[in-house]
N, C-alpha and C. Protein backbone atom coordinates (compact mmCIF):
# COMPACT_ATOMS: atom_id res chain seq x y z
N UNK A 1 -20.42 86.48 239.45
CA UNK A 1 -20.65 88.02 238.67
C UNK A 1 -21.21 89.13 239.70
N UNK A 2 -20.52 90.22 239.47
CA UNK A 2 -20.23 91.54 240.32
C UNK A 2 -20.71 92.82 239.55
N UNK A 3 -21.90 92.73 239.67
CA UNK A 3 -22.33 93.64 238.89
C UNK A 3 -23.10 94.91 239.54
N UNK A 4 -22.68 96.02 239.49
CA UNK A 4 -23.66 97.12 239.84
C UNK A 4 -24.26 97.97 239.25
N UNK A 5 -25.39 98.28 239.30
CA UNK A 5 -25.62 99.06 237.99
C UNK A 5 -25.73 100.40 238.45
N UNK A 6 -25.17 101.21 237.37
CA UNK A 6 -24.97 102.53 237.23
C UNK A 6 -26.34 103.10 236.89
N UNK A 7 -26.82 103.96 237.22
CA UNK A 7 -28.42 105.00 237.03
C UNK A 7 -27.65 105.97 236.04
N UNK A 8 -27.66 105.58 235.06
CA UNK A 8 -27.27 106.46 233.74
C UNK A 8 -27.96 107.15 232.84
N UNK A 9 -27.11 108.15 232.20
CA UNK A 9 -27.86 108.92 231.09
C UNK A 9 -26.85 108.11 229.91
N UNK A 10 -27.33 108.02 228.93
CA UNK A 10 -26.73 107.45 227.52
C UNK A 10 -27.11 108.63 226.58
N UNK A 11 -26.13 109.41 226.17
CA UNK A 11 -26.37 110.25 224.48
C UNK A 11 -25.54 110.04 224.05
N UNK A 12 -25.86 109.73 222.40
CA UNK A 12 -25.05 109.81 221.43
C UNK A 12 -24.85 110.90 220.35
N UNK A 13 -23.96 111.39 220.29
CA UNK A 13 -23.42 112.28 219.64
C UNK A 13 -23.06 111.51 218.17
N UNK A 14 -23.51 112.54 217.29
CA UNK A 14 -22.72 112.46 215.60
C UNK A 14 -22.41 113.64 214.96
N UNK A 15 -21.77 113.41 214.44
CA UNK A 15 -20.99 114.56 213.44
C UNK A 15 -19.49 114.78 213.45
N UNK A 16 -19.16 115.48 212.62
CA UNK A 16 -17.49 116.00 212.59
C UNK A 16 -17.07 116.53 213.89
N UNK A 17 -15.76 116.00 214.35
CA UNK A 17 -14.99 116.79 215.11
C UNK A 17 -15.71 116.70 216.78
N UNK A 18 -16.31 115.40 216.79
CA UNK A 18 -17.58 115.03 217.96
C UNK A 18 -16.29 114.92 219.44
N UNK A 19 -15.23 114.56 219.00
CA UNK A 19 -14.26 114.16 220.01
C UNK A 19 -13.39 116.20 220.66
N UNK A 20 -13.16 116.71 219.81
CA UNK A 20 -12.96 118.01 219.74
C UNK A 20 -13.83 118.79 220.71
N UNK A 21 -15.17 118.62 219.99
CA UNK A 21 -15.89 119.37 220.57
C UNK A 21 -16.14 119.44 222.25
N UNK A 22 -16.30 117.62 222.40
CA UNK A 22 -16.05 117.30 223.80
C UNK A 22 -15.04 117.62 224.89
N UNK A 23 -13.86 117.66 223.81
CA UNK A 23 -12.49 118.20 224.39
C UNK A 23 -12.46 119.57 224.92
N UNK A 24 -13.18 120.54 224.15
CA UNK A 24 -12.99 122.02 224.13
C UNK A 24 -14.02 122.14 225.64
N UNK A 25 -14.61 121.56 225.73
CA UNK A 25 -15.78 122.06 226.86
C UNK A 25 -15.46 120.93 228.39
N UNK A 26 -14.25 120.11 228.53
CA UNK A 26 -14.53 119.50 229.62
C UNK A 26 -13.22 119.27 229.86
N UNK A 27 -13.14 118.82 231.81
CA UNK A 27 -11.87 118.93 232.01
C UNK A 27 -10.70 117.89 231.84
N UNK A 28 -10.73 117.02 230.90
CA UNK A 28 -9.60 116.26 230.72
C UNK A 28 -9.35 116.42 229.38
N UNK A 29 -8.40 115.69 228.84
CA UNK A 29 -8.23 115.90 227.46
C UNK A 29 -8.75 114.68 226.82
N UNK A 30 -10.04 114.78 225.88
CA UNK A 30 -10.42 114.28 224.95
C UNK A 30 -10.09 113.62 223.61
N UNK A 31 -9.46 112.71 223.68
CA UNK A 31 -8.69 112.21 222.29
C UNK A 31 -8.88 110.86 221.75
N UNK A 32 -10.23 109.84 222.61
CA UNK A 32 -10.61 108.62 222.41
C UNK A 32 -11.10 108.30 224.22
N UNK A 33 -11.64 106.78 224.34
CA UNK A 33 -12.09 106.78 225.25
C UNK A 33 -11.16 107.35 226.51
N UNK A 34 -12.33 107.73 227.19
CA UNK A 34 -11.93 108.45 228.74
C UNK A 34 -13.12 108.66 229.21
N UNK A 35 -12.50 109.43 230.64
CA UNK A 35 -13.56 109.69 231.36
C UNK A 35 -13.29 111.53 231.68
N UNK A 36 -14.39 112.32 231.58
CA UNK A 36 -14.12 113.92 231.61
C UNK A 36 -15.10 114.23 232.82
N UNK A 37 -14.68 115.57 233.21
CA UNK A 37 -16.14 116.30 233.86
C UNK A 37 -16.48 117.57 233.23
N UNK A 38 -17.63 117.77 232.92
CA UNK A 38 -17.76 118.91 232.78
C UNK A 38 -18.45 119.78 233.65
N UNK A 39 -18.07 121.23 233.41
CA UNK A 39 -18.14 122.14 234.83
C UNK A 39 -18.43 123.33 234.37
N UNK A 40 -19.13 124.41 235.32
CA UNK A 40 -19.70 125.55 234.97
C UNK A 40 -18.78 126.56 234.76
N UNK A 41 -18.69 127.73 234.76
CA UNK A 41 -17.58 128.77 234.75
C UNK A 41 -17.18 128.63 236.02
N UNK A 42 -17.75 128.65 237.43
CA UNK A 42 -17.80 128.45 239.04
C UNK A 42 -16.51 126.93 239.11
N UNK A 43 -16.45 126.52 238.25
CA UNK A 43 -15.95 125.03 238.02
C UNK A 43 -16.77 123.99 238.89
N UNK A 44 -17.87 124.37 238.98
CA UNK A 44 -18.99 123.58 239.80
C UNK A 44 -19.11 122.31 239.02
N UNK A 45 -19.49 121.17 239.29
CA UNK A 45 -19.50 120.09 238.71
C UNK A 45 -21.14 119.46 238.09
N UNK A 46 -21.13 119.97 236.55
CA UNK A 46 -22.57 119.39 236.07
C UNK A 46 -22.57 118.05 235.81
N UNK A 47 -21.61 117.17 235.29
CA UNK A 47 -21.72 115.70 235.23
C UNK A 47 -20.15 115.43 234.99
N UNK A 48 -20.45 113.76 235.55
CA UNK A 48 -19.24 113.15 235.34
C UNK A 48 -19.34 112.01 233.98
N UNK A 49 -18.81 111.77 232.68
CA UNK A 49 -19.16 111.48 231.76
C UNK A 49 -17.92 110.61 231.43
N UNK A 50 -18.43 109.31 230.73
CA UNK A 50 -17.64 108.54 229.77
C UNK A 50 -17.42 108.55 228.45
N UNK A 51 -16.55 108.97 227.97
CA UNK A 51 -16.52 109.12 226.34
C UNK A 51 -15.96 107.94 225.53
N UNK A 52 -16.93 107.36 225.02
CA UNK A 52 -17.19 105.82 224.22
C UNK A 52 -17.37 106.35 222.58
N UNK A 53 -15.82 106.62 222.10
CA UNK A 53 -16.09 106.27 220.52
C UNK A 53 -17.02 105.08 220.16
N UNK A 54 -17.81 105.40 219.09
CA UNK A 54 -18.35 103.57 218.56
C UNK A 54 -18.11 104.12 217.45
N UNK A 55 -16.94 103.38 216.26
CA UNK A 55 -17.22 103.93 214.97
C UNK A 55 -16.98 105.68 214.45
N UNK A 56 -17.87 106.20 213.84
CA UNK A 56 -18.00 107.90 213.67
C UNK A 56 -18.74 108.78 214.62
N UNK A 57 -19.33 108.09 215.65
CA UNK A 57 -20.00 108.37 216.90
C UNK A 57 -19.67 108.14 217.95
N UNK A 58 -20.13 109.22 219.05
CA UNK A 58 -19.70 108.81 220.84
C UNK A 58 -20.94 109.02 221.53
N UNK A 59 -20.52 107.86 222.38
CA UNK A 59 -21.06 107.82 223.23
C UNK A 59 -20.94 108.11 224.50
N UNK A 60 -21.88 109.32 225.24
CA UNK A 60 -21.56 109.81 226.31
C UNK A 60 -22.57 109.53 227.48
N UNK A 61 -21.69 108.52 228.36
CA UNK A 61 -22.43 107.93 229.61
C UNK A 61 -22.15 109.02 230.85
N UNK A 62 -23.57 109.65 231.13
CA UNK A 62 -23.49 110.23 232.45
C UNK A 62 -23.99 110.15 233.23
N UNK A 63 -24.43 110.51 234.35
CA UNK A 63 -25.58 110.21 235.46
C UNK A 63 -26.99 110.73 235.52
N UNK A 64 -27.74 109.77 235.42
CA UNK A 64 -29.11 109.94 235.32
C UNK A 64 -29.83 111.33 235.62
N UNK A 65 -29.54 111.75 237.07
CA UNK A 65 -29.83 112.76 237.33
C UNK A 65 -29.48 114.03 237.07
N UNK A 66 -28.18 114.13 236.28
CA UNK A 66 -27.93 115.13 235.80
C UNK A 66 -28.09 115.50 233.89
N UNK A 67 -28.81 114.40 233.36
CA UNK A 67 -29.16 114.52 232.21
C UNK A 67 -29.64 115.56 231.56
N UNK A 68 -30.55 116.29 232.40
CA UNK A 68 -30.96 117.66 231.41
C UNK A 68 -30.37 118.94 231.30
N UNK A 69 -29.61 118.71 232.46
CA UNK A 69 -28.56 119.93 232.56
C UNK A 69 -27.41 119.66 231.98
N UNK A 70 -27.04 118.54 231.40
CA UNK A 70 -25.61 118.03 230.65
C UNK A 70 -26.34 118.22 229.39
N UNK A 71 -27.44 117.82 228.64
CA UNK A 71 -27.98 117.65 227.39
C UNK A 71 -28.01 119.73 226.89
N UNK A 72 -28.83 120.39 227.97
CA UNK A 72 -28.50 121.99 227.69
C UNK A 72 -27.12 122.42 228.01
N UNK A 73 -26.55 121.98 228.60
CA UNK A 73 -25.04 122.47 228.31
C UNK A 73 -24.12 122.39 227.22
N UNK A 74 -24.58 121.30 226.86
CA UNK A 74 -23.93 120.52 225.50
C UNK A 74 -24.49 121.28 224.17
N UNK A 75 -25.77 121.00 224.18
CA UNK A 75 -26.70 122.03 223.04
C UNK A 75 -26.52 123.57 222.78
N UNK A 76 -25.87 124.36 223.57
CA UNK A 76 -26.10 125.28 223.83
C UNK A 76 -24.73 126.08 222.98
N UNK A 77 -23.78 124.78 222.88
CA UNK A 77 -22.49 125.27 222.67
C UNK A 77 -22.28 124.69 221.25
N UNK A 78 -23.01 124.25 220.60
CA UNK A 78 -23.00 123.41 219.19
C UNK A 78 -22.79 124.29 218.48
N UNK A 79 -23.25 125.64 218.22
CA UNK A 79 -23.19 126.69 217.61
C UNK A 79 -23.06 126.16 215.68
N UNK A 80 -23.49 125.77 215.42
CA UNK A 80 -23.81 125.20 213.86
C UNK A 80 -22.38 124.40 213.49
N UNK A 81 -22.00 123.24 214.24
CA UNK A 81 -20.93 122.77 214.30
C UNK A 81 -21.28 121.35 213.48
N UNK A 82 -22.77 121.19 213.52
CA UNK A 82 -23.39 119.75 212.73
C UNK A 82 -23.21 118.76 213.43
N UNK A 83 -23.00 119.08 214.90
CA UNK A 83 -23.20 117.94 215.27
C UNK A 83 -24.61 117.91 216.24
N UNK A 84 -25.10 116.35 216.39
CA UNK A 84 -26.63 115.96 216.60
C UNK A 84 -26.31 115.33 218.07
N UNK A 85 -27.42 115.51 218.91
CA UNK A 85 -27.48 114.65 220.13
C UNK A 85 -28.81 114.19 220.01
N UNK A 86 -28.70 112.95 220.29
CA UNK A 86 -29.86 111.69 221.09
C UNK A 86 -29.53 111.12 222.01
N UNK A 87 -30.89 110.86 222.96
CA UNK A 87 -31.10 110.56 223.77
C UNK A 87 -31.07 109.12 223.57
N UNK A 88 -30.54 107.96 224.23
CA UNK A 88 -30.57 106.72 224.03
C UNK A 88 -30.66 105.91 225.32
N UNK A 89 -30.89 106.65 226.75
CA UNK A 89 -31.01 106.25 227.53
C UNK A 89 -31.87 105.11 227.86
N UNK A 90 -33.02 105.04 227.33
CA UNK A 90 -34.16 104.31 227.42
C UNK A 90 -33.73 102.66 226.54
N UNK A 91 -32.84 102.45 225.77
CA UNK A 91 -32.15 101.23 225.01
C UNK A 91 -30.97 100.87 225.59
N UNK A 92 -30.76 101.12 226.83
CA UNK A 92 -29.16 100.83 227.31
C UNK A 92 -29.35 100.30 229.01
N UNK A 93 -28.66 99.75 229.37
CA UNK A 93 -28.53 99.07 230.45
C UNK A 93 -26.82 99.44 230.84
N UNK A 94 -26.64 100.15 232.10
CA UNK A 94 -25.26 100.14 232.54
C UNK A 94 -24.66 99.88 233.72
N UNK A 95 -23.47 99.38 233.83
CA UNK A 95 -23.12 98.45 234.92
C UNK A 95 -21.92 98.80 235.27
N UNK A 96 -21.38 98.49 236.66
CA UNK A 96 -19.84 98.43 236.80
C UNK A 96 -19.40 97.25 236.81
N UNK A 97 -18.81 96.53 236.29
CA UNK A 97 -18.31 94.86 236.57
C UNK A 97 -17.01 94.87 237.22
N UNK A 98 -17.51 94.47 238.79
CA UNK A 98 -16.56 94.88 239.52
C UNK A 98 -15.53 93.16 239.84
N UNK A 99 -15.49 92.53 238.50
CA UNK A 99 -15.18 90.82 238.40
C UNK A 99 -14.69 90.75 237.11
N UNK A 100 -15.50 88.99 236.65
CA UNK A 100 -15.15 89.01 235.50
C UNK A 100 -16.33 88.42 235.08
N UNK A 101 -17.23 88.78 235.01
CA UNK A 101 -18.89 88.70 234.56
C UNK A 101 -18.98 87.88 232.98
N UNK A 102 -19.86 86.81 233.29
CA UNK A 102 -20.17 86.75 231.31
C UNK A 102 -20.96 87.84 230.80
N UNK A 103 -20.94 88.42 230.18
CA UNK A 103 -21.55 89.21 229.04
C UNK A 103 -22.07 89.17 227.98
N UNK A 104 -23.01 89.60 227.63
CA UNK A 104 -23.50 89.65 225.99
C UNK A 104 -22.92 90.03 225.13
N UNK A 105 -22.57 89.24 223.96
CA UNK A 105 -21.19 89.49 223.42
C UNK A 105 -21.36 91.14 221.89
N UNK A 106 -22.66 91.51 222.39
CA UNK A 106 -22.77 92.77 221.56
C UNK A 106 -22.54 93.81 222.97
N UNK A 107 -22.03 93.79 224.41
CA UNK A 107 -21.96 94.42 225.34
C UNK A 107 -20.27 95.55 224.55
N UNK A 108 -20.63 96.72 225.34
CA UNK A 108 -19.29 97.59 224.83
C UNK A 108 -18.98 97.64 226.60
N UNK A 109 -17.85 97.38 226.39
CA UNK A 109 -16.72 97.25 227.68
C UNK A 109 -15.68 98.45 227.85
N UNK A 110 -16.01 99.10 228.60
CA UNK A 110 -15.34 100.24 228.75
C UNK A 110 -14.52 101.07 230.22
N UNK A 111 -13.16 101.08 229.75
CA UNK A 111 -12.39 101.62 231.34
C UNK A 111 -12.68 102.77 231.72
N UNK A 112 -13.18 102.91 232.77
CA UNK A 112 -14.06 103.92 233.48
C UNK A 112 -13.06 104.47 234.30
N UNK A 113 -12.89 105.57 235.24
CA UNK A 113 -12.32 106.25 236.07
C UNK A 113 -12.72 105.45 237.27
N UNK A 114 -14.10 105.18 237.53
CA UNK A 114 -14.86 104.76 238.38
C UNK A 114 -14.52 102.73 238.09
N UNK A 115 -14.17 102.20 237.42
CA UNK A 115 -13.84 100.93 237.24
C UNK A 115 -14.62 100.53 236.07
N UNK A 116 -14.73 99.10 235.73
CA UNK A 116 -14.72 98.66 234.24
C UNK A 116 -16.37 98.59 234.28
N UNK A 117 -16.67 99.50 232.68
CA UNK A 117 -17.84 99.70 232.48
C UNK A 117 -18.37 99.16 231.64
N UNK A 118 -19.95 98.80 231.84
CA UNK A 118 -20.42 97.95 230.47
C UNK A 118 -21.71 98.48 230.45
N UNK A 119 -21.91 98.46 228.99
CA UNK A 119 -23.20 99.09 228.43
C UNK A 119 -23.31 98.03 227.72
N UNK A 120 -24.97 97.42 227.90
CA UNK A 120 -25.60 96.45 227.53
C UNK A 120 -27.19 96.86 227.01
N UNK A 121 -27.25 96.22 225.81
CA UNK A 121 -28.88 96.73 225.33
C UNK A 121 -30.12 96.27 226.59
N UNK A 122 -30.75 96.88 226.75
CA UNK A 122 -31.88 96.61 227.71
C UNK A 122 -32.86 95.15 227.27
N UNK A 123 -32.66 95.00 226.06
CA UNK A 123 -33.40 93.67 225.81
C UNK A 123 -32.93 92.46 226.13
N UNK A 124 -31.45 92.23 226.92
CA UNK A 124 -30.83 91.05 227.79
C UNK A 124 -31.42 90.91 228.95
N UNK A 125 -31.70 92.26 229.50
CA UNK A 125 -32.55 92.30 231.01
C UNK A 125 -31.45 92.13 231.81
N UNK A 126 -30.02 92.36 231.95
CA UNK A 126 -29.11 91.78 232.80
C UNK A 126 -29.31 92.68 234.38
N UNK A 127 -29.22 91.94 235.00
CA UNK A 127 -29.50 92.64 236.45
C UNK A 127 -28.23 92.72 237.28
N UNK A 128 -28.47 93.49 238.16
CA UNK A 128 -27.30 93.74 239.17
C UNK A 128 -27.30 92.81 240.08
N UNK A 129 -26.12 92.49 240.37
CA UNK A 129 -25.74 91.16 241.55
C UNK A 129 -25.29 91.88 242.90
N UNK A 130 -24.84 93.07 242.60
CA UNK A 130 -24.19 93.98 244.19
C UNK A 130 -25.28 94.84 244.93
N UNK A 131 -25.07 95.12 245.85
CA UNK A 131 -26.16 95.89 246.19
C UNK A 131 -25.36 97.37 246.30
N UNK A 132 -26.13 98.13 246.79
CA UNK A 132 -25.54 99.79 246.85
C UNK A 132 -24.45 99.81 248.14
N UNK A 133 -24.79 98.71 249.14
CA UNK A 133 -24.11 98.68 250.49
C UNK A 133 -22.92 97.92 249.78
N UNK A 134 -23.02 96.82 249.30
CA UNK A 134 -21.62 96.07 248.43
C UNK A 134 -20.85 97.30 248.07
N UNK A 135 -21.14 98.06 246.97
CA UNK A 135 -20.45 99.05 246.50
C UNK A 135 -20.52 100.12 246.98
N UNK A 136 -20.59 100.83 248.01
CA UNK A 136 -20.06 101.29 248.84
C UNK A 136 -19.06 101.25 249.27
N UNK A 137 -18.92 100.15 250.02
CA UNK A 137 -18.05 99.36 250.86
C UNK A 137 -16.69 99.29 249.91
N UNK A 138 -16.73 98.88 248.74
CA UNK A 138 -15.59 99.17 247.94
C UNK A 138 -15.26 100.43 247.68
N UNK A 139 -16.38 101.26 247.10
CA UNK A 139 -15.63 102.34 246.78
C UNK A 139 -14.73 103.04 248.34
N UNK A 140 -15.55 102.86 249.06
CA UNK A 140 -14.35 103.69 250.37
C UNK A 140 -12.92 102.50 250.96
N UNK A 141 -12.90 101.56 250.54
CA UNK A 141 -11.79 100.97 250.08
C UNK A 141 -10.86 101.29 249.37
N UNK A 142 -11.56 101.77 248.49
CA UNK A 142 -10.61 102.17 246.86
C UNK A 142 -10.64 103.85 247.07
N UNK A 143 -11.12 104.57 248.15
CA UNK A 143 -11.60 106.20 247.88
C UNK A 143 -11.89 106.42 246.49
N UNK A 144 -12.99 106.14 246.20
CA UNK A 144 -13.93 106.09 244.71
C UNK A 144 -15.22 107.10 245.09
N UNK A 145 -15.10 108.09 244.58
CA UNK A 145 -16.20 109.46 244.81
C UNK A 145 -17.13 108.38 244.05
N UNK A 146 -18.70 109.31 244.22
CA UNK A 146 -19.89 108.70 243.53
C UNK A 146 -20.91 109.85 243.66
N UNK A 147 -21.47 109.72 242.22
CA UNK A 147 -22.87 110.62 241.71
C UNK A 147 -23.84 110.34 243.35
N UNK A 148 -24.21 111.41 243.47
CA UNK A 148 -25.04 112.05 244.59
C UNK A 148 -24.55 111.59 246.40
N UNK A 149 -23.38 111.26 246.17
CA UNK A 149 -22.63 111.39 247.32
C UNK A 149 -21.52 112.48 247.47
N UNK A 150 -20.48 111.92 246.95
CA UNK A 150 -19.01 112.86 247.04
C UNK A 150 -19.49 113.80 246.15
N UNK A 151 -19.78 113.27 244.66
CA UNK A 151 -20.17 114.25 243.36
C UNK A 151 -21.33 114.88 243.19
N UNK A 152 -21.02 116.30 243.55
CA UNK A 152 -22.39 116.72 243.47
C UNK A 152 -22.47 118.62 242.47
N UNK A 153 -23.62 118.88 242.34
CA UNK A 153 -22.89 119.96 241.57
C UNK A 153 -23.04 121.37 242.59
N UNK A 154 -22.35 121.12 243.62
CA UNK A 154 -22.30 122.26 244.79
C UNK A 154 -20.76 121.98 244.90
N UNK A 155 -19.91 121.07 244.14
CA UNK A 155 -18.59 121.13 244.56
C UNK A 155 -18.05 120.90 243.04
N UNK A 156 -16.74 121.21 243.10
CA UNK A 156 -15.41 121.55 242.33
C UNK A 156 -14.75 119.86 242.10
N UNK A 157 -14.46 119.10 240.77
CA UNK A 157 -13.46 118.41 240.54
C UNK A 157 -12.84 117.68 242.10
N UNK A 158 -11.44 119.08 241.95
CA UNK A 158 -10.56 118.68 242.96
C UNK A 158 -10.89 118.72 244.33
N UNK A 159 -12.21 118.87 244.86
CA UNK A 159 -12.63 119.02 246.38
C UNK A 159 -12.91 117.46 246.13
N UNK A 160 -13.41 116.95 245.73
CA UNK A 160 -14.01 115.54 245.72
C UNK A 160 -13.42 114.14 245.31
N UNK A 161 -12.51 114.07 245.03
CA UNK A 161 -11.29 113.19 244.45
C UNK A 161 -11.26 112.90 243.10
N UNK A 162 -11.94 113.80 242.11
CA UNK A 162 -11.83 114.15 240.75
C UNK A 162 -10.09 114.49 240.09
N UNK A 163 -9.61 114.57 240.93
CA UNK A 163 -8.17 115.58 240.80
C UNK A 163 -7.45 115.22 239.30
N UNK A 164 -7.44 113.53 239.13
CA UNK A 164 -6.94 113.09 237.87
C UNK A 164 -7.37 113.00 236.81
N UNK A 165 -8.87 113.64 236.58
CA UNK A 165 -10.06 113.81 235.62
C UNK A 165 -9.48 115.64 235.23
N UNK A 166 -8.16 115.83 235.96
CA UNK A 166 -8.39 117.39 235.61
C UNK A 166 -7.14 117.93 234.70
N UNK A 167 -6.90 117.74 233.52
CA UNK A 167 -5.75 117.51 232.95
C UNK A 167 -4.71 118.46 233.11
N UNK A 168 -3.73 118.39 233.68
CA UNK A 168 -3.10 119.52 234.01
C UNK A 168 -2.21 120.90 233.01
N UNK A 169 -2.52 120.34 232.02
CA UNK A 169 -1.55 121.08 230.49
C UNK A 169 -2.84 121.53 229.54
N UNK A 170 -4.10 121.11 229.87
CA UNK A 170 -5.30 121.33 229.28
C UNK A 170 -5.63 122.51 228.81
N UNK A 171 -5.67 122.92 227.49
CA UNK A 171 -5.63 124.73 226.82
C UNK A 171 -7.26 124.72 227.41
N UNK A 172 -7.98 125.81 227.25
CA UNK A 172 -9.05 126.47 227.45
C UNK A 172 -10.40 125.50 227.71
N UNK A 173 -11.17 125.47 228.84
CA UNK A 173 -12.62 125.18 228.99
C UNK A 173 -13.33 125.93 229.80
N UNK A 174 -14.26 125.28 229.75
CA UNK A 174 -15.33 126.06 230.69
C UNK A 174 -14.50 125.45 232.09
N UNK A 175 -14.54 126.86 233.07
CA UNK A 175 -13.83 126.43 234.57
C UNK A 175 -12.61 126.01 234.71
N UNK A 176 -11.84 126.79 233.60
CA UNK A 176 -10.65 125.99 233.35
C UNK A 176 -10.09 127.19 234.29
N UNK A 177 -10.11 128.55 234.25
CA UNK A 177 -9.30 129.27 234.96
C UNK A 177 -9.71 129.00 236.64
N UNK A 178 -10.88 128.76 236.91
CA UNK A 178 -10.66 128.73 238.60
C UNK A 178 -9.89 127.19 238.82
N UNK A 179 -10.15 126.46 238.30
CA UNK A 179 -9.30 124.81 238.62
C UNK A 179 -7.61 125.34 238.48
N UNK A 180 -7.40 126.03 237.56
CA UNK A 180 -5.43 126.40 237.60
C UNK A 180 -5.48 127.01 238.31
N UNK A 181 -6.21 128.10 239.30
CA UNK A 181 -5.74 129.08 240.07
C UNK A 181 -5.62 128.55 241.47
N UNK A 182 -6.65 127.19 241.79
CA UNK A 182 -6.67 126.69 242.99
C UNK A 182 -5.66 125.95 242.61
N UNK A 183 -5.25 125.35 241.82
CA UNK A 183 -3.70 124.26 241.84
C UNK A 183 -2.83 125.19 241.90
N UNK A 184 -2.59 126.46 241.38
CA UNK A 184 -1.48 126.79 241.20
C UNK A 184 -1.14 127.83 242.94
N UNK A 185 -1.88 127.87 243.32
CA UNK A 185 -2.13 128.59 244.31
C UNK A 185 -2.27 127.89 245.89
N UNK A 186 -2.44 126.49 245.28
CA UNK A 186 -2.72 125.58 246.30
C UNK A 186 -3.64 125.40 247.48
N UNK A 187 -4.56 125.85 247.08
CA UNK A 187 -5.92 126.02 247.84
C UNK A 187 -7.23 125.84 246.87
N UNK A 188 -7.19 124.05 247.32
CA UNK A 188 -8.40 123.65 246.26
C UNK A 188 -9.70 123.29 247.14
N UNK A 189 -9.61 123.68 248.81
CA UNK A 189 -10.26 124.14 249.51
C UNK A 189 -11.21 122.87 250.32
N UNK A 190 -11.12 121.47 249.74
CA UNK A 190 -11.68 120.57 250.54
C UNK A 190 -10.86 119.13 249.41
N UNK A 191 -10.75 118.01 250.43
CA UNK A 191 -10.14 116.98 249.47
C UNK A 191 -10.66 115.99 250.40
N UNK A 192 -11.18 114.36 249.71
CA UNK A 192 -11.51 113.91 249.99
C UNK A 192 -10.40 112.55 250.55
N UNK A 193 -11.33 112.09 251.62
CA UNK A 193 -10.48 111.13 252.34
C UNK A 193 -10.92 109.91 253.02
N UNK A 194 -10.43 108.87 253.33
CA UNK A 194 -11.28 107.82 254.22
C UNK A 194 -10.52 107.71 255.54
N UNK A 195 -11.94 107.83 256.68
CA UNK A 195 -11.73 107.73 257.89
C UNK A 195 -12.06 106.42 258.50
N UNK A 196 -11.66 106.15 259.48
CA UNK A 196 -12.26 104.92 260.59
C UNK A 196 -13.79 105.90 261.34
N UNK A 197 -14.25 105.06 261.54
CA UNK A 197 -15.61 105.13 262.39
C UNK A 197 -15.30 105.34 263.64
N UNK A 198 -16.18 105.87 264.27
CA UNK A 198 -16.88 107.37 264.07
C UNK A 198 -15.95 108.34 263.82
N UNK A 199 -16.30 109.21 262.69
CA UNK A 199 -15.90 110.44 262.10
C UNK A 199 -16.85 111.61 261.76
N UNK A 200 -16.53 112.57 261.22
CA UNK A 200 -17.06 113.87 260.72
C UNK A 200 -17.01 113.67 259.50
N UNK A 201 -17.92 114.68 259.08
CA UNK A 201 -18.09 115.02 257.29
C UNK A 201 -18.26 114.08 256.53
N UNK A 202 -18.74 113.42 256.58
CA UNK A 202 -18.97 111.68 256.21
C UNK A 202 -20.03 111.87 255.16
N UNK A 203 -19.54 111.41 254.04
CA UNK A 203 -20.18 111.91 252.61
C UNK A 203 -20.65 110.21 252.05
N UNK A 204 -19.62 108.89 252.59
CA UNK A 204 -20.28 107.56 252.09
C UNK A 204 -20.27 106.90 253.39
N UNK A 205 -21.14 106.77 254.55
CA UNK A 205 -20.81 105.70 255.36
C UNK A 205 -20.61 104.37 255.41
N UNK A 206 -19.61 103.85 255.98
CA UNK A 206 -19.34 102.62 255.73
C UNK A 206 -19.02 101.76 257.24
N UNK A 207 -19.15 100.37 257.21
CA UNK A 207 -19.06 99.70 258.53
C UNK A 207 -18.36 99.73 259.38
N UNK A 208 -16.73 100.06 259.21
CA UNK A 208 -15.72 100.54 259.58
C UNK A 208 -14.81 101.50 259.37
N UNK A 209 -15.33 102.12 258.02
CA UNK A 209 -14.55 103.54 257.67
C UNK A 209 -15.41 103.96 256.87
N UNK A 210 -15.10 105.75 256.35
CA UNK A 210 -16.17 106.13 255.53
C UNK A 210 -15.89 107.19 254.79
N UNK A 211 -16.25 107.33 253.75
CA UNK A 211 -15.78 108.65 252.64
C UNK A 211 -15.96 109.64 253.16
N UNK A 212 -15.18 110.81 253.49
CA UNK A 212 -15.27 111.97 254.22
C UNK A 212 -14.56 113.32 253.04
N UNK A 213 -15.22 114.56 253.11
CA UNK A 213 -14.68 115.44 252.37
C UNK A 213 -14.32 116.42 253.47
N UNK A 214 -13.03 116.91 253.62
CA UNK A 214 -12.56 117.76 254.61
C UNK A 214 -11.72 118.96 254.12
N UNK A 215 -11.72 119.88 255.00
CA UNK A 215 -11.39 121.13 254.67
C UNK A 215 -9.85 120.61 254.88
N UNK A 216 -9.18 121.48 253.56
CA UNK A 216 -7.34 121.33 253.70
C UNK A 216 -7.01 122.77 254.44
N UNK A 217 -6.08 122.48 254.75
CA UNK A 217 -5.24 123.43 255.51
C UNK A 217 -5.11 124.37 254.78
């Protein structure tokens, strides 16, 4: 078993056109399961979330540290659309499965930007088998940014390795103007790279290599 715990928040959204609602607020095109980013008007990251449709509902899996800001960001923009938000974080455990782990039959498996994500009921008491250090070495080897390291509220998605989650042909969403301008002018400011140790601007230190966010020329 190669399971890494994801310190997650899990919100359940219900109502008509929930996917369209999320699509209008985030950087990626949301019409089904995907990973997307919610940003401020200045294009700073609020959270990076997994969109997981479950029947006529949608589970939105983000990071625990960002739950309050994300919930407030969504709630302020519902504006009578008949969408409700329920916090079901305490009912679920969330992992990344880096192998082919045996899972409970009722587990939800989702193809995340970060790797295979597994959402299971807390009743199963599933436990991680990888340490944070092992997860970090995996991320460094595959140049994968993560919450609290590269992904923070002080950065925009293009600066920390989340460029593929910013859809290039997407319509209006919060933060779009800033990100489009950066891309069109080729001035995103910073980028995520892996470098051999010792090095500078380290965001995730590893044994031999580290992830670094460096200024672009």
